[in-house]
Amino acid sequence: MPGEEEFVLDAFAQLCETHPRLNLIIAPRHADRFDAVEKILERRGQRWMRRSQLPHADHRSGNILLLDTIGELAALFHYATAVFVGGSLVANGGHNIL
């Protein structure tokens, strides 16, 4: 959800101070948010890459993956130690991952 990325990125940056090998996947719910999230990441100066640029992107270029593709999120859940599904940090009501 718009507005939640900043909260998540702040928490991620703080966690990386003590756990530098952490990775984050940001998966906007709608494709029209891909570019907006990219601008947030660029503005913050965080190391990131787009899923659509893999495997051509340098995997060492960032620990944040912007999932800018459709239909791949469910396959990535099994790699996660923790998952945050957006919609609950702003007045929206949350989402169901099922």
C-alpha atoms as a PDB file:
ATOM      1  CA  MET A   1       0.000   0.000   0.000  1.00  0.00           C
ATOM      2  CA  PRO A   2       1.227   3.507  -0.681  1.00  0.00           C
ATOM      3  CA  GLY A   3       2.867   4.872   2.435  1.00  0.00           C
ATOM      4  CA  GLU A   4       3.809   1.522   3.934  1.00  0.00           C
ATOM      5  CA  GLU A   5       7.047   1.159   2.009  1.00  0.00           C
ATOM      6  CA  GLU A   6       8.722   3.834   4.108  1.00  0.00           C
ATOM      7  CA  PHE A   7       7.844   2.025   7.368  1.00  0.00           C
ATOM      8  CA  VAL A   8       9.055  -1.313   6.021  1.00  0.00           C
ATOM      9  CA  LEU A   9      12.266   0.162   4.600  1.00  0.00           C
ATOM     10  CA  ASP A  10      13.008   1.961   7.873  1.00  0.00           C
ATOM     11  CA  ALA A  11      12.574  -1.273   9.829  1.00  0.00           C
ATOM     12  CA  PHE A  12      14.667  -3.196   7.304  1.00  0.00           C
ATOM     13  CA  ALA A  13      17.514  -0.660   7.456  1.00  0.00           C
ATOM     14  CA  GLN A  14      17.510  -0.842  11.235  1.00  0.00           C
ATOM     15  CA  LEU A  15      17.564  -4.660  11.216  1.00  0.00           C
ATOM     16  CA  CYS A  16      20.433  -4.672   8.710  1.00  0.00           C
ATOM     17  CA  GLU A  17      22.612  -2.831  11.226  1.00  0.00           C
ATOM     18  CA  THR A  18      22.817  -6.001  13.314  1.00  0.00           C
ATOM     19  CA  HIS A  19      21.958  -8.537  10.590  1.00  0.00           C
ATOM     20  CA  PRO A  20      23.756  -7.349   7.436  1.00  0.00           C
ATOM     21  CA  ARG A  21      22.903 -10.462   5.404  1.00  0.00           C
ATOM     22  CA  LEU A  22      19.150  -9.849   5.494  1.00  0.00           C
ATOM     23  CA  ASN A  23      17.220  -9.626   2.254  1.00  0.00           C
ATOM     24  CA  LEU A  24      13.909  -7.960   1.519  1.00  0.00           C
ATOM     25  CA  ILE A  25      11.409  -8.549  -1.264  1.00  0.00           C
ATOM     26  CA  ILE A  26       8.947  -5.758  -1.945  1.00  0.00           C
ATOM     27  CA  ALA A  27       6.003  -6.925  -4.038  1.00  0.00           C
ATOM     28  CA  PRO A  28       3.600  -4.098  -4.862  1.00  0.00           C
ATOM     29  CA  ARG A  29       0.027  -5.346  -5.163  1.00  0.00           C
ATOM     30  CA  HIS A  30      -0.551  -3.510  -8.446  1.00  0.00           C
ATOM     31  CA  ALA A  31       1.808  -3.068 -11.395  1.00  0.00           C
ATOM     32  CA  ASP A  32       1.168   0.671 -11.497  1.00  0.00           C
ATOM     33  CA  ARG A  33       3.093   0.935  -8.173  1.00  0.00           C
ATOM     34  CA  PHE A  34       6.362  -0.550  -9.510  1.00  0.00           C
ATOM     35  CA  ASP A  35       7.820   2.768 -10.658  1.00  0.00           C
ATOM     36  CA  ALA A  36       6.655   4.618  -7.532  1.00  0.00           C
ATOM     37  CA  VAL A  37       8.399   2.085  -5.289  1.00  0.00           C
ATOM     38  CA  GLU A  38      11.510   2.332  -7.461  1.00  0.00           C
ATOM     39  CA  LYS A  39      11.551   6.097  -6.882  1.00  0.00           C
ATOM     40  CA  ILE A  40      11.306   5.565  -3.117  1.00  0.00           C
ATOM     41  CA  LEU A  41      14.244   3.140  -3.184  1.00  0.00           C
ATOM     42  CA  GLU A  42      16.299   5.507  -5.343  1.00  0.00           C
ATOM     43  CA  ARG A  43      15.534   8.494  -3.120  1.00  0.00           C
ATOM     44  CA  ARG A  44      16.560   6.568  -0.018  1.00  0.00           C
ATOM     45  CA  GLY A  45      19.800   5.388  -1.617  1.00  0.00           C
ATOM     46  CA  GLN A  46      19.175   1.776  -0.686  1.00  0.00           C
ATOM     47  CA  ARG A  47      20.773  -1.074  -2.627  1.00  0.00           C
ATOM     48  CA  TRP A  48      18.117  -2.831  -4.689  1.00  0.00           C
ATOM     49  CA  MET A  49      17.335  -4.504  -8.001  1.00  0.00           C
ATOM     50  CA  ARG A  50      14.247  -5.280 -10.069  1.00  0.00           C
ATOM     51  CA  ARG A  51      13.161  -8.887 -10.556  1.00  0.00           C
ATOM     52  CA  SER A  52      12.622  -8.209 -14.262  1.00  0.00           C
ATOM     53  CA  GLN A  53      16.345  -7.397 -14.586  1.00  0.00           C
ATOM     54  CA  LEU A  54      17.466 -10.780 -13.268  1.00  0.00           C
ATOM     55  CA  PRO A  55      19.522 -12.724 -14.211  1.00  0.00           C
ATOM     56  CA  HIS A  56      21.237  -9.804 -15.956  1.00  0.00           C
ATOM     57  CA  ALA A  57      21.552  -7.697 -12.800  1.00  0.00           C
ATOM     58  CA  ASP A  58      24.536  -8.138 -10.531  1.00  0.00           C
ATOM     59  CA  HIS A  59      23.161 -10.120  -7.569  1.00  0.00           C
ATOM     60  CA  ARG A  60      25.571  -8.259  -5.307  1.00  0.00           C
ATOM     61  CA  SER A  61      24.036  -4.937  -6.298  1.00  0.00           C
ATOM     62  CA  GLY A  62      21.446  -5.009  -3.564  1.00  0.00           C
ATOM     63  CA  ASN A  63      19.725  -6.819  -0.765  1.00  0.00           C
ATOM     64  CA  ILE A  64      16.283  -5.526  -1.725  1.00  0.00           C
ATOM     65  CA  LEU A  65      14.393  -7.133  -4.588  1.00  0.00           C
ATOM     66  CA  LEU A  66      11.556  -5.170  -6.157  1.00  0.00           C
ATOM     67  CA  LEU A  67       9.229  -7.871  -7.456  1.00  0.00           C
ATOM     68  CA  ASP A  68       8.029  -6.112 -10.591  1.00  0.00           C
ATOM     69  CA  THR A  69       6.538  -9.207 -12.177  1.00  0.00           C
ATOM     70  CA  ILE A  70       3.119 -10.798 -11.841  1.00  0.00           C
ATOM     71  CA  GLY A  71       2.456 -14.336 -10.618  1.00  0.00           C
ATOM     72  CA  GLU A  72       5.732 -15.112  -8.816  1.00  0.00           C
ATOM     73  CA  LEU A  73       5.048 -14.057  -5.240  1.00  0.00           C
ATOM     74  CA  ALA A  74       3.505 -17.317  -4.006  1.00  0.00           C
ATOM     75  CA  ALA A  75       6.584 -19.252  -5.125  1.00  0.00           C
ATOM     76  CA  LEU A  76       8.826 -17.000  -3.021  1.00  0.00           C
ATOM     77  CA  PHE A  77       7.097 -17.465   0.336  1.00  0.00           C
ATOM     78  CA  HIS A  78       8.963 -20.686   1.106  1.00  0.00           C
ATOM     79  CA  TYR A  79      12.291 -18.794   1.056  1.00  0.00           C
ATOM     80  CA  ALA A  80      11.136 -16.413   3.777  1.00  0.00           C
ATOM     81  CA  THR A  81      11.843 -16.552   7.470  1.00  0.00           C
ATOM     82  CA  ALA A  82       9.294 -13.791   8.037  1.00  0.00           C
ATOM     83  CA  VAL A  83       6.611 -12.219   5.850  1.00  0.00           C
ATOM     84  CA  PHE A  84       4.772  -8.919   6.179  1.00  0.00           C
ATOM     85  CA  VAL A  85       1.671  -8.561   4.029  1.00  0.00           C
ATOM     86  CA  GLY A  86       0.798  -4.919   3.554  1.00  0.00           C
ATOM     87  CA  GLY A  87      -2.359  -3.022   4.132  1.00  0.00           C
ATOM     88  CA  SER A  88      -2.219  -2.892   7.909  1.00  0.00           C
ATOM     89  CA  LEU A  89       0.149   0.041   8.554  1.00  0.00           C
ATOM     90  CA  VAL A  90      -2.137   2.502   6.810  1.00  0.00           C
ATOM     91  CA  ALA A  91      -5.893   2.916   6.984  1.00  0.00           C
ATOM     92  CA  ASN A  92      -6.716   0.143   4.531  1.00  0.00           C
ATOM     93  CA  GLY A  93      -7.594  -2.951   6.542  1.00  0.00           C
ATOM     94  CA  GLY A  94      -4.939  -5.498   5.556  1.00  0.00           C
ATOM     95  CA  HIS A  95      -4.835  -8.291   3.000  1.00  0.00           C
ATOM     96  CA  ASN A  96      -5.279 -12.040   3.085  1.00  0.00           C
ATOM     97  CA  ILE A  97      -2.372 -14.026   1.588  1.00  0.00           C
ATOM     98  CA  LEU A  98      -4.636 -16.954   0.813  1.00  0.00           C
END
